[in-house]
Amino acid sequence: MDGDFGLLSPVSASPLVAALTGDRAVLAAILKVEAAWAAVLDEAGLAPAGSAAVVAAAADVQRYDVAAIAVRAQGGGNPVIPLLADLREQVRNLDAAGLGAVQAVHTSLTSQDVLDSALMVLAAGAVRELLTELKGATSALAGLAEAHGATLCVARSLTQHSLPYSFGLRAAQWFNGLAAAASRLEALELPVQTGGAAGTLAAGTVLTAGAELSPLDLADRLAARLGLATVPAPWHTNRLAVTSLGDALAAVTDAAGKVAADVLFLSRPEVAELAEPRAAGRGVSSAMPQKQNPVLSVLIRSAALQSPALAAQLHLAAANFNDERPDGAWHSEWAALRQLLRLALGAAAQLRQLAEGLEVFPVAMRRNLDLAGPLLLSEAVNAAVAPLLDGRSAGTGSGRTGKQRLQAVVDTTLRAPAAEQAATYRALLRAAVPDELLTDARLEELLNPANFLGQAVDISRRILAAYPEYAASPASPEYDRATAPHLQNGASRG
């Protein structure tokens, strides 16, 4: 069991995250790379026949003392070096037939080859689980977008009420950010690394002398065994693979953080438009028994606030990869990349719970929308009425435009007490616009927030149609398809 249980990182404190990214998982990934390489050499006739099976048996992570290897890693600066000593000893002990299987261990590789490839293997496993959680969350958000396409709420700009809005579009925009980030992550290729001591494959060239395969052929075969992408050349000091992964992970926590920030505000008691799903022991306070804290959003936001600095650390390291093998910059990547994986995994799991159980309160949304009263529709009124007033005043010598006259109505209204502004605006507007220009019925149409939602419904539909595989339910056959025609108008959750 790993020593770090996540006591001070509750967003990522889960057995699954530990299993995917903990020290034992890192060690297992290193051993997997070494075993796969032995299999490549054995298959190519470049190691004693039968070596692969011996090395595979020796590559069981349970045979190794993770804590001891971590301490011994200080001697060479990375964990591969002490692990290799233990692995070779295990191989010798298991090589009962005297095959000389130890010759297949690490031959022509360098420690950076193994650790870079191992971290890509580790990331691949974490990303698969992360995408599962993200698709669960996006499916739930798509369901909210569809269910609440006509649920009125208020849009806020610079903290103030701005225009009528729909909660369906808000959920669709949450979906949009998360699906775009997930799609970017899913498209990443995680590459294998086999460059040898200086990135020239010199030792591999010696190894393959007289063989039909080249060192690059062996690298491609290793990639296939590990499920990693092939590369045209070693990338010891070209770290785009790492920074691209880090950026994609940070984009996921950015998108999740946006959802969390909105839910945190909208679940405040004085707003009360949303509530997180309740669960035993969740949201409790140590001192105030009445509190129900939005802890899912709090934890998601904590991940979103940490991730950008970790992604920046990867870029800082990449910019300082000197020579053909770096000193220190490479070492500084490991913890940052692993912590990004942990935070993204934790945030996605919390977000899925949040999205799947989010409570929506349309009555409160309408109450908050009505706080601004008809003033919220002043833009709609101006667009429809100002031209009418301009036409009436043409040739009369009036010095004010229709827009200026309507702005005066708004300005006067805003000087009235808040509780009186709705009635004041209606009265002043009625007085400013003759009945023959604007009937009472037409005025009520203009002051109905449902009539000033613009393209909200179509925007939501276009968003869901842009990412059909993320809008579909995880249980549906369309879940992993690139296209899903029947989802072009959004996915139904029934």
Protein backbone atom coordinates (compact mmCIF):
# COMPACT_ATOMS: atom_id res chain seq x y z
CA MET A 1 0.00 0.00 0.00
CA ASP A 2 1.31 3.46 -0.87
CA GLY A 3 2.37 5.71 1.98
CA ASP A 4 0.55 8.75 0.52
CA PHE A 5 -3.16 8.20 1.11
CA GLY A 6 -4.18 11.73 0.06
CA LEU A 7 -4.95 13.01 3.53
CA LEU A 8 -4.33 16.61 2.42
CA SER A 9 -5.74 16.13 -1.07
CA PRO A 10 -9.29 14.87 -0.52
CA VAL A 11 -10.31 15.50 -4.13
CA SER A 12 -7.98 12.71 -5.26
CA ALA A 13 -8.11 10.50 -2.15
CA SER A 14 -9.60 7.31 -3.54
CA PRO A 15 -8.43 3.72 -3.86
CA LEU A 16 -8.89 3.93 -7.63
CA VAL A 17 -6.72 7.03 -8.01
CA ALA A 18 -4.06 5.43 -5.81
CA ALA A 19 -4.19 2.23 -7.83
CA LEU A 20 -3.79 4.14 -11.09
CA THR A 21 -1.16 6.68 -10.08
CA GLY A 22 0.46 5.64 -6.78
CA ASP A 23 4.07 4.59 -6.32
CA ARG A 24 3.18 0.94 -6.78
CA ALA A 25 1.46 1.81 -10.08
CA VAL A 26 4.58 3.68 -11.23
CA LEU A 27 6.77 0.72 -10.35
CA ALA A 28 4.39 -1.66 -12.13
CA ALA A 29 4.54 0.53 -15.25
CA ILE A 30 8.35 0.48 -15.21
CA LEU A 31 8.32 -3.29 -14.87
CA LYS A 32 5.78 -3.54 -17.69
CA VAL A 33 8.12 -1.61 -19.99
CA GLU A 34 11.07 -3.81 -19.09
CA ALA A 35 9.03 -6.99 -19.61
CA ALA A 36 7.68 -5.74 -22.94
CA TRP A 37 11.19 -4.88 -24.12
CA ALA A 38 12.44 -8.34 -23.17
CA ALA A 39 9.55 -9.79 -25.19
CA VAL A 40 10.50 -7.65 -28.20
CA LEU A 41 14.12 -8.83 -28.02
CA ASP A 42 13.11 -12.46 -27.52
CA GLU A 43 10.72 -12.36 -30.47
CA ALA A 44 13.39 -10.77 -32.67
CA GLY A 45 15.98 -13.39 -31.73
CA LEU A 46 18.11 -10.76 -30.00
CA ALA A 47 17.89 -12.38 -26.56
CA PRO A 48 18.03 -16.00 -25.42
CA ALA A 49 14.89 -17.86 -26.44
CA GLY A 50 12.45 -18.06 -23.57
CA SER A 51 13.81 -14.92 -21.87
CA ALA A 52 10.53 -13.05 -22.16
CA ALA A 53 8.63 -15.51 -19.98
CA VAL A 54 11.26 -15.38 -17.25
CA VAL A 55 11.38 -11.58 -17.25
CA ALA A 56 7.57 -11.39 -17.27
CA ALA A 57 7.43 -13.59 -14.17
CA ALA A 58 10.07 -11.47 -12.48
CA ALA A 59 8.16 -8.27 -13.37
CA ASP A 60 5.44 -8.89 -10.78
CA VAL A 61 5.33 -5.68 -8.73
CA GLN A 62 4.50 -7.65 -5.58
CA ARG A 63 8.08 -8.96 -5.55
CA TYR A 64 9.53 -5.50 -4.87
CA ASP A 65 9.87 -3.19 -1.89
CA VAL A 66 8.57 0.11 -3.22
CA ALA A 67 9.67 2.16 -0.20
CA ALA A 68 13.20 0.76 -0.30
CA ILE A 69 13.51 1.43 -4.02
CA ALA A 70 12.34 5.01 -3.48
CA VAL A 71 15.09 5.62 -0.94
CA ARG A 72 17.73 3.93 -3.08
CA ALA A 73 16.65 6.04 -6.07
CA GLN A 74 18.52 8.95 -4.53
CA GLY A 75 21.76 7.21 -5.45
CA GLY A 76 21.19 7.44 -9.21
CA GLY A 77 18.56 10.15 -9.35
CA ASN A 78 15.72 7.98 -10.61
CA PRO A 79 13.87 4.81 -9.55
CA VAL A 80 14.79 2.77 -12.62
CA ILE A 81 18.38 2.23 -11.51
CA PRO A 82 17.72 0.50 -8.15
CA LEU A 83 14.75 -1.36 -9.61
CA LEU A 84 16.95 -2.81 -12.36
CA ALA A 85 19.32 -4.26 -9.80
CA ASP A 86 16.40 -5.99 -8.08
CA LEU A 87 14.83 -7.07 -11.37
CA ARG A 88 18.04 -8.68 -12.58
CA GLU A 89 18.35 -10.53 -9.30
CA GLN A 90 14.78 -11.81 -9.61
CA VAL A 91 15.39 -12.90 -13.20
CA ARG A 92 18.52 -14.83 -12.23
CA ASN A 93 16.64 -16.54 -9.42
CA LEU A 94 13.76 -17.52 -11.73
CA ASP A 95 15.95 -18.62 -14.63
CA ALA A 96 16.00 -22.24 -13.50
CA ALA A 97 16.84 -23.50 -16.98
CA GLY A 98 19.91 -21.31 -17.19
CA LEU A 99 18.71 -19.50 -20.30
CA GLY A 100 20.68 -16.37 -19.55
CA ALA A 101 17.40 -14.44 -19.54
CA VAL A 102 19.04 -11.58 -17.67
CA GLN A 103 20.60 -10.57 -20.99
CA ALA A 104 17.16 -9.41 -22.12
CA VAL A 105 16.78 -6.95 -19.24
CA HIS A 106 17.23 -3.31 -20.25
CA THR A 107 19.63 -4.14 -23.09
CA SER A 108 20.42 -0.99 -25.18
CA LEU A 109 17.95 1.15 -23.19
CA THR A 110 18.66 3.99 -20.80
CA SER A 111 16.78 4.87 -17.64
CA GLN A 112 15.02 7.81 -19.31
CA ASP A 113 13.70 5.51 -22.03
CA VAL A 114 12.12 3.28 -19.44
CA LEU A 115 10.75 5.97 -17.15
CA ASP A 116 9.39 8.14 -19.98
CA SER A 117 7.66 5.12 -21.52
CA ALA A 118 6.43 3.99 -18.09
CA LEU A 119 4.90 7.36 -17.34
CA MET A 120 3.12 7.27 -20.71
CA VAL A 121 1.80 3.78 -19.82
CA LEU A 122 0.68 5.11 -16.44
CA ALA A 123 -0.97 8.11 -18.08
CA ALA A 124 -2.75 5.91 -20.64
CA GLY A 125 -4.41 3.89 -17.88
CA ALA A 126 -5.36 7.01 -15.95
CA VAL A 127 -6.71 8.74 -19.04
CA ARG A 128 -8.92 5.77 -19.89
CA GLU A 129 -10.55 5.95 -16.46
CA LEU A 130 -10.69 9.73 -16.63
CA LEU A 131 -12.56 9.63 -19.94
CA THR A 132 -15.06 7.18 -18.48
CA GLU A 133 -15.83 9.62 -15.66
CA LEU A 134 -15.95 12.58 -18.04
CA LYS A 135 -18.38 10.86 -20.38
CA GLY A 136 -20.60 10.07 -17.43
CA ALA A 137 -20.52 13.73 -16.42
CA THR A 138 -21.13 15.07 -19.94
CA SER A 139 -24.02 12.68 -20.45
CA ALA A 140 -25.64 13.98 -17.27
CA LEU A 141 -25.06 17.59 -18.33
CA ALA A 142 -26.58 16.88 -21.74
CA GLY A 143 -29.63 15.51 -19.95
CA LEU A 144 -29.90 18.69 -17.89
CA ALA A 145 -29.55 20.82 -21.02
CA GLU A 146 -32.44 19.00 -22.69
CA ALA A 147 -34.69 18.84 -19.65
CA HIS A 148 -34.33 22.54 -18.90
CA GLY A 149 -34.29 24.13 -22.34
CA ALA A 150 -37.35 26.21 -21.37
CA THR A 151 -36.43 26.77 -17.71
CA LEU A 152 -36.01 30.51 -17.31
CA CYS A 153 -33.26 31.96 -15.16
CA VAL A 154 -31.22 35.13 -15.18
CA ALA A 155 -27.89 35.67 -16.91
CA ARG A 156 -25.31 37.56 -14.88
CA SER A 157 -22.62 39.82 -16.26
CA LEU A 158 -19.93 41.34 -14.01
CA THR A 159 -21.98 40.01 -11.04
CA GLN A 160 -25.13 41.90 -12.11
CA HIS A 161 -28.36 40.67 -13.71
CA SER A 162 -28.08 41.17 -17.45
CA LEU A 163 -30.65 39.31 -19.59
CA PRO A 164 -33.12 36.45 -19.42
CA TYR A 165 -31.41 33.10 -19.85
CA SER A 166 -32.27 29.42 -19.76
CA PHE A 167 -30.83 26.91 -17.38
CA GLY A 168 -30.72 24.50 -20.30
CA LEU A 169 -28.21 26.73 -22.08
CA ARG A 170 -26.17 27.08 -18.91
CA ALA A 171 -25.95 23.29 -18.62
CA ALA A 172 -25.17 23.05 -22.34
CA GLN A 173 -22.30 25.50 -21.93
CA TRP A 174 -20.96 23.45 -19.03
CA PHE A 175 -21.19 20.44 -21.32
CA ASN A 176 -19.47 22.36 -24.10
CA GLY A 177 -16.40 23.17 -22.05
CA LEU A 178 -16.10 19.70 -20.58
CA ALA A 179 -16.72 17.83 -23.85
CA ALA A 180 -14.20 19.99 -25.70
CA ALA A 181 -11.57 19.32 -23.03
CA ALA A 182 -12.34 15.60 -22.99
CA SER A 183 -12.19 15.43 -26.78
CA ARG A 184 -8.79 17.08 -26.73
CA LEU A 185 -7.57 14.62 -24.12
CA GLU A 186 -8.95 11.64 -26.02
CA ALA A 187 -7.15 12.72 -29.20
CA LEU A 188 -3.72 12.76 -27.57
CA GLU A 189 -1.11 10.23 -28.65
CA LEU A 190 1.12 9.02 -25.85
CA PRO A 191 4.47 7.99 -27.34
CA VAL A 192 7.02 5.31 -26.58
CA GLN A 193 10.59 6.33 -25.77
CA THR A 194 13.70 4.37 -26.84
CA GLY A 195 16.72 6.57 -27.55
CA GLY A 196 19.54 4.96 -25.68
CA ALA A 197 22.13 6.83 -23.69
CA ALA A 198 22.26 9.94 -25.89
CA GLY A 199 19.28 9.60 -28.19
CA THR A 200 21.28 8.06 -31.07
CA LEU A 201 20.29 4.41 -30.58
CA ALA A 202 24.00 3.57 -30.74
CA ALA A 203 23.72 0.56 -28.44
CA GLY A 204 20.66 -0.60 -30.33
CA THR A 205 22.58 -0.38 -33.57
CA VAL A 206 25.24 -2.70 -32.14
CA LEU A 207 22.52 -5.01 -30.81
CA THR A 208 20.81 -5.33 -34.21
CA ALA A 209 23.96 -5.62 -36.31
CA GLY A 210 23.34 -8.34 -38.87
CA ALA A 211 19.66 -8.62 -37.92
CA GLU A 212 16.73 -7.90 -40.20
CA LEU A 213 15.27 -5.39 -37.74
CA SER A 214 16.65 -1.93 -36.95
CA PRO A 215 16.55 -0.25 -33.51
CA LEU A 216 13.61 1.86 -34.72
CA ASP A 217 11.76 -1.31 -35.73
CA LEU A 218 12.25 -2.58 -32.19
CA ALA A 219 10.90 0.70 -30.84
CA ASP A 220 7.78 0.33 -32.96
CA ARG A 221 7.26 -3.19 -31.67
CA LEU A 222 7.64 -1.99 -28.09
CA ALA A 223 5.06 0.71 -28.73
CA ALA A 224 2.63 -1.89 -30.04
CA ARG A 225 3.10 -4.08 -26.97
CA LEU A 226 2.59 -1.17 -24.59
CA GLY A 227 -0.32 0.39 -26.47
CA LEU A 228 1.66 3.58 -27.04
CA ALA A 229 2.18 5.66 -30.17
CA THR A 230 5.16 5.14 -32.43
CA VAL A 231 7.48 8.10 -32.99
CA PRO A 232 9.86 9.11 -35.77
CA ALA A 233 12.69 9.78 -33.33
CA PRO A 234 13.58 9.73 -29.64
CA TRP A 235 12.21 12.70 -27.70
CA HIS A 236 14.51 12.87 -24.69
CA THR A 237 14.63 16.67 -24.79
CA ASN A 238 11.55 17.44 -26.92
CA ARG A 239 8.82 17.41 -24.30
CA LEU A 240 5.72 18.28 -26.30
CA ALA A 241 4.23 14.90 -25.44
CA VAL A 242 4.42 15.75 -21.74
CA THR A 243 3.32 19.38 -21.98
CA SER A 244 0.44 18.47 -24.30
CA LEU A 245 -0.77 15.89 -21.80
CA GLY A 246 -0.39 18.35 -18.96
CA ASP A 247 -2.28 21.05 -20.86
CA ALA A 248 -5.10 18.64 -21.71
CA LEU A 249 -5.41 17.59 -18.07
CA ALA A 250 -5.45 21.21 -16.94
CA ALA A 251 -8.13 21.97 -19.53
CA VAL A 252 -10.28 19.24 -17.96
CA THR A 253 -9.94 20.74 -14.49
CA ASP A 254 -10.55 24.23 -15.94
CA ALA A 255 -13.85 23.09 -17.43
CA ALA A 256 -14.80 21.23 -14.26
CA GLY A 257 -13.84 24.28 -12.20
CA LYS A 258 -16.22 26.46 -14.21
CA VAL A 259 -19.12 24.14 -13.36
CA ALA A 260 -18.10 24.07 -9.72
CA ALA A 261 -17.79 27.86 -9.50
CA ASP A 262 -21.31 28.30 -10.88
CA VAL A 263 -22.79 25.68 -8.60
CA LEU A 264 -21.08 27.21 -5.58
CA PHE A 265 -22.73 30.55 -6.29
CA LEU A 266 -26.10 29.19 -7.37
CA SER A 267 -26.39 26.98 -4.29
CA ARG A 268 -25.89 29.86 -1.84
CA PRO A 269 -28.97 30.11 0.42
CA GLU A 270 -29.78 33.60 -0.82
CA VAL A 271 -29.72 32.35 -4.44
CA ALA A 272 -30.90 28.75 -3.95
CA GLU A 273 -31.27 27.86 -7.63
CA LEU A 274 -29.32 24.61 -7.35
CA ALA A 275 -28.29 22.10 -4.70
CA GLU A 276 -25.70 19.38 -4.71
CA PRO A 277 -26.89 15.79 -4.32
CA ARG A 278 -27.08 14.69 -0.72
CA ALA A 279 -25.26 11.67 0.64
CA ALA A 280 -24.57 10.40 4.11
CA GLY A 281 -21.57 12.16 5.61
CA ARG A 282 -21.17 14.58 2.69
CA GLY A 283 -21.17 18.32 3.29
CA VAL A 284 -21.06 18.13 7.06
CA SER A 285 -19.48 20.74 9.31
CA SER A 286 -17.39 20.01 12.39
CA ALA A 287 -19.06 22.82 14.34
CA MET A 288 -22.38 23.71 12.71
CA PRO A 289 -24.82 20.78 12.48
CA GLN A 290 -27.27 22.74 10.31
CA LYS A 291 -24.82 23.26 7.45
CA GLN A 292 -24.94 21.35 4.17
CA ASN A 293 -21.74 22.39 2.44
CA PRO A 294 -21.42 22.00 -1.37
CA VAL A 295 -18.33 19.88 -0.86
CA LEU A 296 -18.29 18.27 -4.32
CA SER A 297 -17.93 21.69 -5.91
CA VAL A 298 -15.43 22.76 -3.26
CA LEU A 299 -13.19 19.79 -4.04
CA ILE A 300 -13.52 20.23 -7.80
CA ARG A 301 -12.60 23.89 -7.45
CA SER A 302 -9.58 22.96 -5.33
CA ALA A 303 -8.32 20.80 -8.21
CA ALA A 304 -8.97 23.55 -10.74
CA LEU A 305 -6.97 26.03 -8.66
CA GLN A 306 -3.96 23.70 -8.36
CA SER A 307 -3.69 22.37 -11.90
CA PRO A 308 -2.51 25.46 -13.85
CA ALA A 309 0.67 25.77 -11.77
CA LEU A 310 1.44 22.09 -12.33
CA ALA A 311 0.98 22.47 -16.09
CA ALA A 312 3.23 25.52 -15.96
CA GLN A 313 5.85 23.43 -14.15
CA LEU A 314 5.88 21.03 -17.09
CA HIS A 315 6.45 23.91 -19.50
CA LEU A 316 9.16 25.36 -17.28
CA ALA A 317 10.89 21.99 -17.29
CA ALA A 318 10.49 21.58 -21.06
CA ALA A 319 12.13 24.94 -21.67
CA ASN A 320 15.13 23.89 -19.61
CA PHE A 321 15.88 20.45 -21.09
CA ASN A 322 19.51 21.17 -21.87
CA ASP A 323 21.97 19.06 -23.87
CA GLU A 324 20.84 15.64 -25.14
CA ARG A 325 19.85 14.38 -21.71
CA PRO A 326 18.87 16.96 -19.09
CA ASP A 327 19.94 17.61 -15.52
CA GLY A 328 17.10 18.26 -13.13
CA ALA A 329 14.45 19.50 -15.54
CA TRP A 330 13.42 15.94 -16.41
CA HIS A 331 13.28 15.02 -12.75
CA SER A 332 11.00 17.96 -12.00
CA GLU A 333 8.36 16.69 -14.44
CA TRP A 334 7.47 13.47 -12.66
CA ALA A 335 5.65 14.71 -9.59
CA ALA A 336 3.89 17.51 -11.49
CA LEU A 337 2.58 15.16 -14.18
CA ARG A 338 1.42 12.57 -11.68
CA GLN A 339 -0.32 15.16 -9.52
CA LEU A 340 -2.11 16.51 -12.60
CA LEU A 341 -3.36 13.01 -13.35
CA ARG A 342 -4.53 12.63 -9.76
CA LEU A 343 -6.32 15.97 -9.65
CA ALA A 344 -8.03 15.43 -12.99
CA LEU A 345 -9.16 11.94 -11.99
CA GLY A 346 -10.46 13.16 -8.65
CA ALA A 347 -12.21 16.21 -10.10
CA ALA A 348 -13.87 14.15 -12.84
CA ALA A 349 -15.20 11.60 -10.37
CA GLN A 350 -16.60 14.37 -8.14
CA LEU A 351 -18.05 16.19 -11.14
CA ARG A 352 -19.84 13.10 -12.36
CA GLN A 353 -21.51 12.70 -8.97
CA LEU A 354 -22.43 16.37 -9.01
CA ALA A 355 -23.87 16.35 -12.52
CA GLU A 356 -25.78 13.11 -12.11
CA GLY A 357 -27.45 14.21 -8.87
CA LEU A 358 -27.71 18.00 -9.25
CA GLU A 359 -31.00 19.38 -7.89
CA VAL A 360 -32.55 22.17 -9.96
CA PHE A 361 -35.11 24.64 -8.57
CA PRO A 362 -36.93 26.45 -11.42
CA VAL A 363 -39.17 28.41 -9.02
CA ALA A 364 -36.15 30.00 -7.37
CA MET A 365 -34.66 30.71 -10.78
CA ARG A 366 -37.80 32.56 -11.80
CA ARG A 367 -37.89 34.44 -8.49
CA ASN A 368 -34.34 35.68 -9.03
CA LEU A 369 -35.09 36.52 -12.64
CA ASP A 370 -38.01 38.66 -11.51
CA LEU A 371 -35.90 40.65 -9.05
CA ALA A 372 -34.92 43.08 -11.82
CA GLY A 373 -38.48 43.18 -13.07
CA PRO A 374 -39.17 44.56 -16.54
CA LEU A 375 -35.92 46.54 -16.48
CA LEU A 376 -34.24 43.30 -17.48
CA LEU A 377 -36.00 43.65 -20.84
CA SER A 378 -34.89 47.22 -21.52
CA GLU A 379 -32.63 46.08 -24.35
CA ALA A 380 -35.57 44.37 -26.06
CA VAL A 381 -37.74 47.43 -25.50
CA ASN A 382 -35.09 49.78 -26.89
CA ALA A 383 -34.60 47.67 -30.01
CA ALA A 384 -38.33 47.55 -30.77
CA VAL A 385 -39.51 50.96 -29.58
CA ALA A 386 -36.68 53.41 -30.30
CA PRO A 387 -37.27 53.31 -34.09
CA LEU A 388 -40.98 53.99 -33.51
CA LEU A 389 -40.18 57.06 -31.45
CA ASP A 390 -37.63 58.23 -34.02
CA GLY A 391 -40.28 57.97 -36.72
CA ARG A 392 -42.80 59.93 -34.65
CA SER A 393 -40.31 62.71 -33.87
CA ALA A 394 -39.03 63.07 -37.46
CA GLY A 395 -39.70 66.59 -38.66
CA THR A 396 -40.88 67.81 -35.26
CA GLY A 397 -37.57 69.34 -34.32
CA SER A 398 -37.22 67.16 -31.23
CA GLY A 399 -33.64 67.15 -30.03
CA ARG A 400 -33.67 63.66 -28.51
CA THR A 401 -33.56 60.32 -30.28
CA GLY A 402 -35.86 57.50 -29.33
CA LYS A 403 -32.96 55.70 -27.69
CA GLN A 404 -32.16 58.75 -25.57
CA ARG A 405 -35.78 59.10 -24.48
CA LEU A 406 -35.92 55.45 -23.45
CA GLN A 407 -32.62 55.78 -21.59
CA ALA A 408 -34.12 58.64 -19.64
CA VAL A 409 -36.95 56.31 -18.61
CA VAL A 410 -34.42 53.78 -17.35
CA ASP A 411 -32.36 56.41 -15.53
CA THR A 412 -35.42 57.77 -13.75
CA THR A 413 -36.54 54.26 -12.83
CA LEU A 414 -33.17 53.43 -11.29
CA ARG A 415 -33.50 56.38 -8.91
CA ALA A 416 -36.68 54.89 -7.46
CA PRO A 417 -36.53 52.47 -4.50
CA ALA A 418 -35.82 48.92 -5.65
CA ALA A 419 -39.23 47.67 -4.57
CA GLU A 420 -40.91 50.32 -6.76
CA GLN A 421 -38.79 50.05 -9.87
CA ALA A 422 -40.90 47.51 -11.73
CA ALA A 423 -44.06 49.60 -11.46
CA THR A 424 -42.14 52.82 -12.10
CA TYR A 425 -40.58 51.50 -15.31
CA ARG A 426 -43.89 50.28 -16.68
CA ALA A 427 -45.61 53.60 -15.91
CA LEU A 428 -42.86 55.78 -17.33
CA LEU A 429 -42.54 53.62 -20.41
CA ARG A 430 -46.28 53.73 -21.02
CA ALA A 431 -46.21 57.51 -20.65
CA ALA A 432 -43.26 57.89 -23.02
CA VAL A 433 -44.71 55.82 -25.84
CA PRO A 434 -48.13 56.69 -27.30
CA ASP A 435 -50.72 53.91 -27.41
CA GLU A 436 -50.96 54.06 -31.17
CA LEU A 437 -47.25 53.24 -31.43
CA LEU A 438 -47.21 50.50 -28.82
CA THR A 439 -50.32 48.67 -27.64
CA ASP A 440 -50.56 47.26 -24.15
CA ALA A 441 -50.47 43.74 -25.58
CA ARG A 442 -47.29 44.46 -27.53
CA LEU A 443 -45.74 46.04 -24.45
CA GLU A 444 -46.45 42.88 -22.45
CA GLU A 445 -44.84 40.79 -25.18
CA LEU A 446 -41.70 42.90 -24.97
CA LEU A 447 -41.62 42.60 -21.18
CA ASN A 448 -41.99 38.82 -21.16
CA PRO A 449 -38.54 37.32 -20.50
CA ALA A 450 -39.45 34.14 -22.36
CA ASN A 451 -39.60 36.20 -25.55
CA PHE A 452 -36.02 37.48 -25.29
CA LEU A 453 -33.94 34.32 -25.17
CA GLY A 454 -32.48 34.80 -28.60
CA GLN A 455 -31.10 31.54 -30.03
CA ALA A 456 -30.69 29.82 -26.66
CA VAL A 457 -32.46 26.63 -27.70
CA ASP A 458 -30.65 26.33 -31.01
CA ILE A 459 -27.29 27.08 -29.38
CA SER A 460 -27.88 24.26 -26.91
CA ARG A 461 -28.78 21.87 -29.70
CA ARG A 462 -25.72 22.82 -31.73
CA ILE A 463 -23.48 22.27 -28.73
CA LEU A 464 -24.85 18.79 -28.07
CA ALA A 465 -24.69 17.91 -31.76
CA ALA A 466 -21.02 18.95 -31.88
CA TYR A 467 -20.06 16.22 -29.39
CA PRO A 468 -22.58 13.39 -29.87
CA GLU A 469 -20.34 10.77 -28.31
CA TYR A 470 -20.19 12.82 -25.10
CA ALA A 471 -23.92 13.60 -25.07
CA ALA A 472 -24.94 9.94 -25.36
CA SER A 473 -25.60 7.83 -22.31
CA PRO A 474 -22.69 5.55 -21.37
CA ALA A 475 -25.08 2.61 -21.72
CA SER A 476 -26.12 3.50 -25.27
CA PRO A 477 -24.56 1.94 -28.39
CA GLU A 478 -23.73 5.43 -29.67
CA TYR A 479 -21.58 6.26 -26.67
CA ASP A 480 -18.22 5.85 -28.39
CA ARG A 481 -19.20 6.59 -31.95
CA ALA A 482 -17.67 9.50 -33.82
CA THR A 483 -21.13 10.44 -35.13
CA ALA A 484 -24.63 9.76 -33.92
CA PRO A 485 -27.25 11.19 -36.30
CA HIS A 486 -30.18 10.66 -33.96
CA LEU A 487 -28.41 12.87 -31.39
CA GLN A 488 -28.24 15.91 -33.63
CA ASN A 489 -30.96 17.56 -31.55
CA GLY A 490 -29.36 16.47 -28.27
CA ALA A 491 -29.39 13.28 -26.26
CA SER A 492 -32.46 12.36 -24.25
CA ARG A 493 -32.13 11.00 -20.76
CA GLY A 494 -35.80 10.02 -20.68
